[in-house]
Amino acid sequence: MGVIVGTAGHIDHGKSSLMLALTGRDPDRLKEEKKRGITIELGYVFMETPDGGSVSFIDVPGHEKFIRTMVAGVSTVDCFLLVVSADEGVMPQTREHLDILGLLKVDRGIVALSKCDLVDPDLQELAEDEIRETLRETPARDAPVVRVSAVTGQGLELLREEVFRMVRAVRARSSEGRFRLPVDRVFSLKGFGTVLCGTG
């Protein structure tokens, strides 16, 4: 099944680190991203499913200055993986990214409460309560919240299971009719080849 999951969340909440821990592939490929420790361009990784298929992830920047890149990344996703750090909780770009997903009608998703190795269970509980309150008035109000750590591996297997459960519920897109893609940009990616981005 060709399901695409887009990440979302505030800068430095661990989206890229979680992608690396979850898939074994680093979505940050630019030297500047490595040097600055932030995502600047969209990252593309995938994870094999138990039935032999794969789930594709688009990792987006969390910095407010790169919001246009974030929008380009999530404009064609089927569902989302919202990452909120347990030590900071819901932040401005958390809310902004949720608003964008709502406008794009990306209603199905999972929340990863990241960096759980940095705080005690009581603070994790407070952060999870804040997340549920933030989601309460959105179509994603019933999204599961999984406590994880990319450092210790806590919750990663449960998160994988939730991702597989989510993508199985996604209805396949129709392949009928002629394909049309207004192209926004074209670039090459090592291991993938030529990538065209646009609105299908």
N, C-alpha and C. Protein backbone atom coordinates (compact mmCIF):
# COMPACT_ATOMS: atom_id res chain seq x y z
N MET A 1 0.85 -1.18 0.00
CA MET A 1 0.00 0.00 0.00
C MET A 1 0.89 1.24 0.00
N GLY A 2 0.65 2.16 -0.91
CA GLY A 2 1.47 3.36 -1.01
C GLY A 2 0.92 4.50 -0.17
N VAL A 3 1.05 4.41 1.14
CA VAL A 3 0.55 5.44 2.04
C VAL A 3 1.68 6.39 2.41
N ILE A 4 1.38 7.69 2.45
CA ILE A 4 2.37 8.70 2.79
C ILE A 4 1.99 9.34 4.11
N VAL A 5 2.92 9.34 5.05
CA VAL A 5 2.73 9.95 6.37
C VAL A 5 3.63 11.18 6.45
N GLY A 6 3.06 12.30 6.85
CA GLY A 6 3.85 13.52 7.02
C GLY A 6 4.09 13.80 8.49
N THR A 7 5.31 14.18 8.83
CA THR A 7 5.57 14.58 10.21
C THR A 7 5.05 16.01 10.41
N ALA A 8 4.90 16.38 11.66
CA ALA A 8 4.49 17.74 12.02
C ALA A 8 4.98 18.01 13.43
N GLY A 9 5.17 19.28 13.75
CA GLY A 9 5.56 19.62 15.10
C GLY A 9 6.58 20.74 15.18
N HIS A 10 6.74 21.27 16.36
CA HIS A 10 7.62 22.41 16.64
C HIS A 10 9.09 22.03 16.42
N ILE A 11 9.91 23.03 16.14
CA ILE A 11 11.34 22.81 15.95
C ILE A 11 11.97 22.20 17.20
N ASP A 12 12.90 21.28 16.98
CA ASP A 12 13.68 20.65 18.04
C ASP A 12 12.85 19.75 18.96
N HIS A 13 11.71 19.28 18.47
CA HIS A 13 10.95 18.31 19.25
C HIS A 13 11.30 16.88 18.87
N GLY A 14 12.23 16.74 17.90
CA GLY A 14 12.77 15.41 17.61
C GLY A 14 12.13 14.66 16.46
N LYS A 15 11.57 15.38 15.48
CA LYS A 15 10.94 14.69 14.35
C LYS A 15 11.94 13.86 13.56
N SER A 16 13.06 14.47 13.19
CA SER A 16 14.05 13.75 12.37
C SER A 16 14.71 12.63 13.15
N SER A 17 15.02 12.88 14.42
CA SER A 17 15.63 11.82 15.26
C SER A 17 14.69 10.63 15.39
N LEU A 18 13.40 10.92 15.50
CA LEU A 18 12.41 9.86 15.61
C LEU A 18 12.31 9.08 14.30
N MET A 19 12.37 9.79 13.17
CA MET A 19 12.36 9.12 11.87
C MET A 19 13.54 8.17 11.74
N LEU A 20 14.72 8.62 12.17
CA LEU A 20 15.91 7.79 12.11
C LEU A 20 15.76 6.56 13.00
N ALA A 21 15.26 6.76 14.22
CA ALA A 21 15.09 5.65 15.14
C ALA A 21 14.02 4.66 14.66
N LEU A 22 12.98 5.18 14.02
CA LEU A 22 11.85 4.36 13.59
C LEU A 22 12.15 3.58 12.32
N THR A 23 12.86 4.23 11.38
CA THR A 23 13.06 3.62 10.06
C THR A 23 14.50 3.17 9.81
N GLY A 24 15.45 3.68 10.61
CA GLY A 24 16.86 3.38 10.35
C GLY A 24 17.45 4.23 9.25
N ARG A 25 16.69 5.23 8.81
CA ARG A 25 17.14 6.10 7.72
C ARG A 25 17.06 7.56 8.18
N ASP A 26 18.11 8.33 7.91
CA ASP A 26 18.17 9.73 8.34
C ASP A 26 17.54 10.62 7.27
N PRO A 27 16.47 11.35 7.60
CA PRO A 27 15.84 12.21 6.60
C PRO A 27 16.62 13.49 6.33
N ASP A 28 17.51 13.87 7.23
CA ASP A 28 18.32 15.08 7.02
C ASP A 28 19.57 14.71 6.23
N ARG A 29 19.67 15.25 5.02
CA ARG A 29 20.76 14.85 4.12
C ARG A 29 21.72 15.99 3.79
N LEU A 30 21.33 17.24 4.05
CA LEU A 30 22.17 18.38 3.70
C LEU A 30 23.24 18.64 4.75
N LYS A 31 24.41 19.10 4.31
CA LYS A 31 25.50 19.43 5.25
C LYS A 31 25.06 20.51 6.22
N GLU A 32 24.31 21.49 5.72
CA GLU A 32 23.86 22.59 6.58
C GLU A 32 22.90 22.08 7.66
N GLU A 33 22.07 21.11 7.31
CA GLU A 33 21.16 20.53 8.30
C GLU A 33 21.95 19.82 9.40
N LYS A 34 22.98 19.09 9.00
CA LYS A 34 23.82 18.39 9.99
C LYS A 34 24.54 19.40 10.89
N LYS A 35 25.04 20.45 10.27
CA LYS A 35 25.82 21.45 11.01
C LYS A 35 24.95 22.21 12.01
N ARG A 36 23.76 22.63 11.57
CA ARG A 36 22.88 23.44 12.41
C ARG A 36 21.97 22.61 13.30
N GLY A 37 21.83 21.33 12.99
CA GLY A 37 20.98 20.46 13.79
C GLY A 37 19.49 20.72 13.62
N ILE A 38 19.11 21.27 12.44
CA ILE A 38 17.69 21.51 12.16
C ILE A 38 17.37 21.05 10.74
N THR A 39 16.11 20.72 10.52
CA THR A 39 15.65 20.35 9.18
C THR A 39 15.35 21.61 8.39
N ILE A 40 15.87 21.67 7.17
CA ILE A 40 15.66 22.83 6.30
C ILE A 40 14.83 22.45 5.08
N GLU A 41 15.19 21.32 4.47
CA GLU A 41 14.47 20.81 3.31
C GLU A 41 13.65 19.58 3.71
N LEU A 42 12.71 19.20 2.88
CA LEU A 42 11.92 18.00 3.13
C LEU A 42 12.81 16.77 3.10
N GLY A 43 12.56 15.85 4.01
CA GLY A 43 13.29 14.60 4.03
C GLY A 43 12.36 13.45 3.70
N TYR A 44 12.89 12.44 3.01
CA TYR A 44 12.07 11.32 2.56
C TYR A 44 12.67 10.00 3.05
N VAL A 45 11.91 9.26 3.85
CA VAL A 45 12.35 7.94 4.32
C VAL A 45 11.16 6.99 4.23
N PHE A 46 11.44 5.71 4.37
CA PHE A 46 10.34 4.74 4.32
C PHE A 46 10.59 3.62 5.32
N MET A 47 9.53 2.89 5.59
CA MET A 47 9.58 1.78 6.54
C MET A 47 8.79 0.62 5.97
N GLU A 48 9.37 -0.56 6.02
CA GLU A 48 8.68 -1.75 5.51
C GLU A 48 7.55 -2.15 6.45
N THR A 49 6.47 -2.64 5.88
CA THR A 49 5.33 -3.12 6.66
C THR A 49 5.41 -4.64 6.77
N PRO A 50 4.74 -5.23 7.78
CA PRO A 50 4.81 -6.69 7.95
C PRO A 50 4.31 -7.49 6.73
N ASP A 51 3.43 -6.88 5.92
CA ASP A 51 2.90 -7.60 4.76
C ASP A 51 3.75 -7.43 3.50
N GLY A 52 4.93 -6.83 3.65
CA GLY A 52 5.83 -6.69 2.51
C GLY A 52 5.70 -5.37 1.77
N GLY A 53 4.80 -4.52 2.20
CA GLY A 53 4.66 -3.20 1.59
C GLY A 53 5.58 -2.20 2.26
N SER A 54 5.25 -0.93 2.08
CA SER A 54 6.07 0.10 2.73
C SER A 54 5.22 1.33 3.04
N VAL A 55 5.66 2.05 4.04
CA VAL A 55 5.06 3.33 4.41
C VAL A 55 6.10 4.41 4.11
N SER A 56 5.73 5.43 3.39
CA SER A 56 6.64 6.53 3.09
C SER A 56 6.40 7.66 4.08
N PHE A 57 7.48 8.29 4.52
CA PHE A 57 7.39 9.43 5.42
C PHE A 57 8.00 10.65 4.75
N ILE A 58 7.33 11.78 4.92
CA ILE A 58 7.90 13.06 4.53
C ILE A 58 8.16 13.83 5.82
N ASP A 59 9.44 14.08 6.09
CA ASP A 59 9.83 14.78 7.31
C ASP A 59 9.94 16.27 6.99
N VAL A 60 9.21 17.09 7.75
CA VAL A 60 9.13 18.52 7.43
C VAL A 60 9.88 19.36 8.46
N PRO A 61 10.29 20.58 8.07
CA PRO A 61 10.93 21.48 9.04
C PRO A 61 9.93 21.96 10.09
N GLY A 62 10.44 22.21 11.31
CA GLY A 62 9.57 22.73 12.37
C GLY A 62 9.75 24.21 12.62
N HIS A 63 10.77 24.81 11.98
CA HIS A 63 11.03 26.24 12.21
C HIS A 63 10.01 27.08 11.46
N GLU A 64 9.54 28.16 12.11
CA GLU A 64 8.52 29.02 11.51
C GLU A 64 8.96 29.64 10.19
N LYS A 65 10.28 29.85 10.00
CA LYS A 65 10.77 30.45 8.76
C LYS A 65 10.65 29.51 7.56
N PHE A 66 10.47 28.22 7.83
CA PHE A 66 10.37 27.24 6.76
C PHE A 66 8.95 26.70 6.62
N ILE A 67 7.97 27.51 6.99
CA ILE A 67 6.59 27.04 6.98
C ILE A 67 6.10 26.70 5.57
N ARG A 68 6.60 27.41 4.56
CA ARG A 68 6.19 27.10 3.18
C ARG A 68 6.68 25.72 2.77
N THR A 69 7.87 25.37 3.21
CA THR A 69 8.39 24.03 2.92
C THR A 69 7.55 22.98 3.63
N MET A 70 7.14 23.29 4.87
CA MET A 70 6.28 22.36 5.61
C MET A 70 4.98 22.12 4.86
N VAL A 71 4.36 23.20 4.39
CA VAL A 71 3.09 23.09 3.66
C VAL A 71 3.27 22.25 2.39
N ALA A 72 4.37 22.49 1.67
CA ALA A 72 4.65 21.70 0.47
C ALA A 72 4.78 20.22 0.81
N GLY A 73 5.36 19.92 1.97
CA GLY A 73 5.56 18.53 2.36
C GLY A 73 4.28 17.80 2.72
N VAL A 74 3.36 18.48 3.39
CA VAL A 74 2.15 17.79 3.86
C VAL A 74 0.97 17.95 2.92
N SER A 75 1.18 18.62 1.80
CA SER A 75 0.04 18.90 0.91
C SER A 75 -0.52 17.64 0.23
N THR A 76 0.26 16.56 0.20
CA THR A 76 -0.24 15.35 -0.46
C THR A 76 -0.18 14.12 0.45
N VAL A 77 -0.05 14.32 1.76
CA VAL A 77 0.04 13.16 2.66
C VAL A 77 -1.34 12.59 2.97
N ASP A 78 -1.36 11.33 3.37
CA ASP A 78 -2.61 10.66 3.73
C ASP A 78 -2.93 10.81 5.21
N CYS A 79 -1.90 10.90 6.03
CA CYS A 79 -2.07 11.01 7.48
C CYS A 79 -0.81 11.64 8.08
N PHE A 80 -0.84 11.89 9.39
CA PHE A 80 0.27 12.61 9.99
C PHE A 80 0.82 11.91 11.22
N LEU A 81 2.06 12.25 11.54
CA LEU A 81 2.71 11.85 12.79
C LEU A 81 3.14 13.15 13.47
N LEU A 82 2.36 13.59 14.45
CA LEU A 82 2.66 14.82 15.18
C LEU A 82 3.63 14.49 16.31
N VAL A 83 4.74 15.22 16.37
CA VAL A 83 5.75 14.98 17.39
C VAL A 83 5.77 16.16 18.37
N VAL A 84 5.57 15.84 19.64
CA VAL A 84 5.57 16.85 20.70
C VAL A 84 6.53 16.38 21.79
N SER A 85 7.49 17.21 22.15
CA SER A 85 8.47 16.78 23.16
C SER A 85 7.88 16.85 24.56
N ALA A 86 8.19 15.85 25.36
CA ALA A 86 7.66 15.77 26.72
C ALA A 86 8.20 16.88 27.62
N ASP A 87 9.38 17.41 27.29
CA ASP A 87 9.97 18.43 28.14
C ASP A 87 9.49 19.84 27.83
N GLU A 88 8.84 20.03 26.66
CA GLU A 88 8.34 21.36 26.31
C GLU A 88 6.82 21.40 26.11
N GLY A 89 6.25 20.31 25.70
CA GLY A 89 4.81 20.28 25.47
C GLY A 89 4.40 20.97 24.19
N VAL A 90 3.15 21.35 24.11
CA VAL A 90 2.60 21.98 22.91
C VAL A 90 3.18 23.38 22.77
N MET A 91 3.71 23.68 21.59
CA MET A 91 4.38 24.95 21.30
C MET A 91 3.73 25.61 20.08
N PRO A 92 4.14 26.86 19.75
CA PRO A 92 3.48 27.58 18.64
C PRO A 92 3.40 26.82 17.32
N GLN A 93 4.52 26.19 16.89
CA GLN A 93 4.46 25.48 15.61
C GLN A 93 3.68 24.17 15.72
N THR A 94 3.54 23.64 16.92
CA THR A 94 2.65 22.48 17.10
C THR A 94 1.25 22.88 16.66
N ARG A 95 0.78 24.00 17.19
CA ARG A 95 -0.57 24.48 16.86
C ARG A 95 -0.68 24.89 15.40
N GLU A 96 0.35 25.58 14.90
CA GLU A 96 0.31 26.03 13.51
C GLU A 96 0.27 24.84 12.55
N HIS A 97 1.08 23.83 12.81
CA HIS A 97 1.08 22.65 11.94
C HIS A 97 -0.26 21.91 12.01
N LEU A 98 -0.85 21.84 13.19
CA LEU A 98 -2.16 21.22 13.31
C LEU A 98 -3.21 22.00 12.51
N ASP A 99 -3.13 23.33 12.57
CA ASP A 99 -4.06 24.16 11.79
C ASP A 99 -3.91 23.90 10.30
N ILE A 100 -2.66 23.80 9.84
CA ILE A 100 -2.41 23.54 8.42
C ILE A 100 -2.95 22.17 8.01
N LEU A 101 -2.70 21.16 8.82
CA LEU A 101 -3.22 19.82 8.54
C LEU A 101 -4.75 19.83 8.48
N GLY A 102 -5.36 20.60 9.38
CA GLY A 102 -6.81 20.73 9.37
C GLY A 102 -7.33 21.37 8.10
N LEU A 103 -6.66 22.43 7.66
CA LEU A 103 -7.07 23.11 6.42
C LEU A 103 -6.93 22.19 5.22
N LEU A 104 -5.93 21.32 5.25
CA LEU A 104 -5.70 20.39 4.15
C LEU A 104 -6.53 19.11 4.30
N LYS A 105 -7.34 19.06 5.37
CA LYS A 105 -8.21 17.93 5.65
C LYS A 105 -7.44 16.62 5.84
N VAL A 106 -6.27 16.72 6.46
CA VAL A 106 -5.51 15.54 6.87
C VAL A 106 -5.92 15.26 8.31
N ASP A 107 -6.93 14.42 8.47
CA ASP A 107 -7.58 14.24 9.77
C ASP A 107 -7.09 13.03 10.57
N ARG A 108 -6.45 12.09 9.89
CA ARG A 108 -6.03 10.87 10.57
C ARG A 108 -4.57 11.00 10.98
N GLY A 109 -4.27 10.66 12.26
CA GLY A 109 -2.88 10.79 12.68
C GLY A 109 -2.58 10.14 14.01
N ILE A 110 -1.31 10.21 14.37
CA ILE A 110 -0.79 9.69 15.63
C ILE A 110 0.06 10.79 16.25
N VAL A 111 0.07 10.85 17.58
CA VAL A 111 0.95 11.78 18.28
C VAL A 111 2.05 10.98 18.97
N ALA A 112 3.30 11.38 18.71
CA ALA A 112 4.44 10.79 19.42
C ALA A 112 4.89 11.79 20.47
N LEU A 113 4.75 11.41 21.73
CA LEU A 113 5.27 12.24 22.83
C LEU A 113 6.74 11.87 22.98
N SER A 114 7.60 12.72 22.41
CA SER A 114 9.02 12.39 22.29
C SER A 114 9.84 12.83 23.50
N LYS A 115 11.09 12.41 23.51
CA LYS A 115 12.05 12.79 24.55
C LYS A 115 11.59 12.42 25.96
N CYS A 116 10.90 11.29 26.06
CA CYS A 116 10.40 10.86 27.37
C CYS A 116 11.53 10.46 28.32
N ASP A 117 12.72 10.27 27.78
CA ASP A 117 13.86 9.96 28.64
C ASP A 117 14.33 11.17 29.44
N LEU A 118 13.85 12.37 29.08
CA LEU A 118 14.30 13.60 29.74
C LEU A 118 13.44 14.02 30.92
N VAL A 119 12.24 13.44 31.03
CA VAL A 119 11.33 13.89 32.10
C VAL A 119 10.72 12.68 32.82
N ASP A 120 10.24 12.92 34.03
CA ASP A 120 9.65 11.83 34.81
C ASP A 120 8.20 11.57 34.35
N PRO A 121 7.63 10.46 34.78
CA PRO A 121 6.27 10.10 34.34
C PRO A 121 5.21 11.16 34.64
N ASP A 122 5.35 11.89 35.74
CA ASP A 122 4.36 12.92 36.07
C ASP A 122 4.33 14.02 35.02
N LEU A 123 5.53 14.46 34.57
CA LEU A 123 5.59 15.49 33.53
C LEU A 123 5.12 14.94 32.19
N GLN A 124 5.40 13.68 31.93
CA GLN A 124 4.88 13.05 30.71
C GLN A 124 3.36 13.09 30.71
N GLU A 125 2.77 12.80 31.88
CA GLU A 125 1.30 12.80 32.02
C GLU A 125 0.74 14.19 31.75
N LEU A 126 1.40 15.22 32.29
CA LEU A 126 0.96 16.60 32.05
C LEU A 126 1.04 16.96 30.58
N ALA A 127 2.14 16.57 29.92
CA ALA A 127 2.31 16.86 28.50
C ALA A 127 1.24 16.15 27.67
N GLU A 128 0.93 14.89 28.03
CA GLU A 128 -0.10 14.16 27.30
C GLU A 128 -1.47 14.79 27.49
N ASP A 129 -1.76 15.25 28.71
CA ASP A 129 -3.04 15.94 28.96
C ASP A 129 -3.15 17.20 28.10
N GLU A 130 -2.03 17.94 27.99
CA GLU A 130 -2.03 19.16 27.18
C GLU A 130 -2.28 18.84 25.70
N ILE A 131 -1.67 17.76 25.23
CA ILE A 131 -1.87 17.34 23.84
C ILE A 131 -3.34 17.00 23.59
N ARG A 132 -3.93 16.22 24.48
CA ARG A 132 -5.33 15.82 24.31
C ARG A 132 -6.26 17.03 24.34
N GLU A 133 -5.94 18.00 25.19
CA GLU A 133 -6.74 19.23 25.23
C GLU A 133 -6.60 20.01 23.93
N THR A 134 -5.39 20.04 23.37
CA THR A 134 -5.15 20.74 22.10
C THR A 134 -5.90 20.09 20.96
N LEU A 135 -5.99 18.76 20.98
CA LEU A 135 -6.65 18.02 19.90
C LEU A 135 -8.16 17.96 20.06
N ARG A 136 -8.67 18.34 21.23
CA ARG A 136 -10.08 18.10 21.58
C ARG A 136 -11.06 18.67 20.57
N GLU A 137 -10.77 19.84 20.02
CA GLU A 137 -11.70 20.48 19.08
C GLU A 137 -11.31 20.23 17.63
N THR A 138 -10.47 19.24 17.37
CA THR A 138 -10.05 18.94 16.00
C THR A 138 -10.59 17.58 15.57
N PRO A 139 -10.61 17.29 14.26
CA PRO A 139 -11.03 15.96 13.80
C PRO A 139 -10.11 14.85 14.29
N ALA A 140 -8.88 15.21 14.73
CA ALA A 140 -7.92 14.21 15.19
C ALA A 140 -7.97 14.03 16.70
N ARG A 141 -9.12 14.36 17.32
CA ARG A 141 -9.21 14.33 18.78
C ARG A 141 -9.01 12.93 19.37
N ASP A 142 -9.25 11.89 18.58
CA ASP A 142 -9.09 10.52 19.09
C ASP A 142 -7.75 9.90 18.70
N ALA A 143 -6.83 10.72 18.21
CA ALA A 143 -5.52 10.20 17.80
C ALA A 143 -4.79 9.58 18.99
N PRO A 144 -4.21 8.41 18.81
CA PRO A 144 -3.45 7.80 19.92
C PRO A 144 -2.20 8.61 20.24
N VAL A 145 -1.83 8.66 21.50
CA VAL A 145 -0.60 9.32 21.95
C VAL A 145 0.34 8.23 22.45
N VAL A 146 1.52 8.16 21.84
CA VAL A 146 2.50 7.13 22.19
C VAL A 146 3.73 7.81 22.79
N ARG A 147 4.11 7.39 23.99
CA ARG A 147 5.29 7.95 24.65
C ARG A 147 6.54 7.24 24.13
N VAL A 148 7.48 8.04 23.60
CA VAL A 148 8.65 7.45 22.95
C VAL A 148 9.94 8.17 23.33
N SER A 149 11.04 7.51 23.05
CA SER A 149 12.36 8.12 23.16
C SER A 149 13.23 7.56 22.04
N ALA A 150 13.75 8.45 21.21
CA ALA A 150 14.65 8.02 20.15
C ALA A 150 16.00 7.60 20.71
N VAL A 151 16.29 8.02 21.94
CA VAL A 151 17.57 7.70 22.58
C VAL A 151 17.55 6.30 23.20
N THR A 152 16.51 6.01 23.99
CA THR A 152 16.45 4.72 24.70
C THR A 152 15.67 3.65 23.93
N GLY A 153 14.90 4.07 22.94
CA GLY A 153 14.07 3.12 22.20
C GLY A 153 12.70 2.90 22.82
N GLN A 154 12.41 3.59 23.91
CA GLN A 154 11.11 3.45 24.57
C GLN A 154 9.97 3.73 23.60
N GLY A 155 9.02 2.84 23.55
CA GLY A 155 7.79 3.05 22.79
C GLY A 155 7.89 2.93 21.28
N LEU A 156 9.09 2.67 20.75
CA LEU A 156 9.23 2.65 19.29
C LEU A 156 8.45 1.51 18.65
N GLU A 157 8.45 0.34 19.28
CA GLU A 157 7.73 -0.80 18.70
C GLU A 157 6.22 -0.53 18.72
N LEU A 158 5.73 0.06 19.81
CA LEU A 158 4.32 0.42 19.89
C LEU A 158 3.97 1.46 18.83
N LEU A 159 4.87 2.42 18.62
CA LEU A 159 4.63 3.45 17.60
C LEU A 159 4.56 2.82 16.21
N ARG A 160 5.46 1.88 15.93
CA ARG A 160 5.40 1.18 14.63
C ARG A 160 4.05 0.49 14.45
N GLU A 161 3.60 -0.20 15.49
CA GLU A 161 2.31 -0.90 15.41
C GLU A 161 1.17 0.07 15.14
N GLU A 162 1.21 1.25 15.80
CA GLU A 162 0.17 2.26 15.59
C GLU A 162 0.22 2.81 14.17
N VAL A 163 1.44 2.99 13.64
CA VAL A 163 1.58 3.46 12.25
C VAL A 163 0.99 2.43 11.30
N PHE A 164 1.32 1.14 11.49
CA PHE A 164 0.79 0.10 10.62
C PHE A 164 -0.74 0.05 10.71
N ARG A 165 -1.28 0.19 11.92
CA ARG A 165 -2.73 0.17 12.10
C ARG A 165 -3.37 1.36 11.36
N MET A 166 -2.72 2.51 11.46
CA MET A 166 -3.25 3.71 10.82
C MET A 166 -3.25 3.57 9.30
N VAL A 167 -2.15 3.10 8.73
CA VAL A 167 -2.07 3.04 7.26
C VAL A 167 -2.99 1.98 6.69
N ARG A 168 -3.26 0.92 7.48
CA ARG A 168 -4.21 -0.10 6.99
C ARG A 168 -5.62 0.48 6.85
N ALA A 169 -5.91 1.52 7.63
CA ALA A 169 -7.24 2.12 7.58
C ALA A 169 -7.39 3.17 6.48
N VAL A 170 -6.28 3.50 5.80
CA VAL A 170 -6.33 4.51 4.74
C VAL A 170 -6.89 3.88 3.48
N ARG A 171 -7.89 4.54 2.91
CA ARG A 171 -8.49 4.04 1.68
C ARG A 171 -7.57 4.32 0.50
N ALA A 172 -7.37 3.32 -0.34
CA ALA A 172 -6.48 3.48 -1.50
C ALA A 172 -7.01 4.55 -2.44
N ARG A 173 -6.12 5.35 -2.97
CA ARG A 173 -6.51 6.39 -3.91
C ARG A 173 -6.83 5.78 -5.27
N SER A 174 -7.76 6.36 -5.96
CA SER A 174 -8.15 5.85 -7.26
C SER A 174 -7.03 6.08 -8.28
N SER A 175 -6.79 5.08 -9.11
CA SER A 175 -5.81 5.22 -10.19
C SER A 175 -6.50 5.34 -11.54
N GLU A 176 -7.81 5.56 -11.51
CA GLU A 176 -8.58 5.71 -12.74
C GLU A 176 -8.31 7.07 -13.39
N GLY A 177 -8.50 7.14 -14.68
CA GLY A 177 -8.37 8.41 -15.40
C GLY A 177 -6.92 8.73 -15.72
N ARG A 178 -6.73 9.91 -16.27
CA ARG A 178 -5.39 10.33 -16.68
C ARG A 178 -4.67 11.01 -15.53
N PHE A 179 -3.37 10.79 -15.49
CA PHE A 179 -2.55 11.39 -14.45
C PHE A 179 -2.19 12.82 -14.84
N ARG A 180 -2.35 13.74 -13.88
CA ARG A 180 -1.99 15.14 -14.12
C ARG A 180 -1.29 15.67 -12.88
N LEU A 181 -0.14 16.28 -13.08
CA LEU A 181 0.63 16.81 -11.96
C LEU A 181 1.22 18.17 -12.33
N PRO A 182 0.62 19.27 -11.84
CA PRO A 182 1.26 20.57 -12.01
C PRO A 182 2.57 20.58 -11.21
N VAL A 183 3.69 20.67 -11.87
CA VAL A 183 5.00 20.53 -11.22
C VAL A 183 5.45 21.84 -10.58
N ASP A 184 5.75 21.76 -9.27
CA ASP A 184 6.26 22.92 -8.54
C ASP A 184 7.78 22.97 -8.56
N ARG A 185 8.41 21.80 -8.42
CA ARG A 185 9.87 21.76 -8.43
C ARG A 185 10.34 20.35 -8.76
N VAL A 186 11.60 20.28 -9.22
CA VAL A 186 12.22 19.01 -9.59
C VAL A 186 13.62 18.99 -9.00
N PHE A 187 14.01 17.86 -8.41
CA PHE A 187 15.36 17.74 -7.87
C PHE A 187 15.76 16.27 -7.86
N SER A 188 17.06 16.02 -7.66
CA SER A 188 17.58 14.65 -7.60
C SER A 188 17.90 14.29 -6.16
N LEU A 189 17.64 13.04 -5.82
CA LEU A 189 17.88 12.56 -4.46
C LEU A 189 18.64 11.25 -4.55
N LYS A 190 19.78 11.18 -3.87
CA LYS A 190 20.61 9.98 -3.91
C LYS A 190 19.81 8.77 -3.45
N GLY A 191 19.85 7.72 -4.24
CA GLY A 191 19.13 6.50 -3.91
C GLY A 191 17.71 6.46 -4.44
N PHE A 192 17.20 7.62 -4.89
CA PHE A 192 15.83 7.69 -5.41
C PHE A 192 15.79 8.12 -6.87
N GLY A 193 16.71 9.04 -7.25
CA GLY A 193 16.70 9.56 -8.61
C GLY A 193 15.98 10.89 -8.68
N THR A 194 15.32 11.14 -9.80
CA THR A 194 14.63 12.41 -10.01
C THR A 194 13.31 12.43 -9.26
N VAL A 195 13.07 13.50 -8.53
CA VAL A 195 11.83 13.66 -7.75
C VAL A 195 11.08 14.88 -8.27
N LEU A 196 9.82 14.71 -8.61
CA LEU A 196 8.97 15.81 -9.03
C LEU A 196 7.98 16.11 -7.94
N CYS A 197 7.83 17.38 -7.58
CA CYS A 197 6.86 17.78 -6.55
C CYS A 197 5.81 18.67 -7.19
N GLY A 198 4.59 18.43 -6.79
CA GLY A 198 3.49 19.24 -7.30
C GLY A 198 2.20 18.88 -6.60
N THR A 199 1.11 19.22 -7.20
CA THR A 199 -0.20 18.96 -6.62
C THR A 199 -0.97 18.03 -7.54
N GLY A 200 -1.24 16.83 -7.04
CA GLY A 200 -1.92 15.81 -7.85
C GLY A 200 -3.42 15.98 -7.83
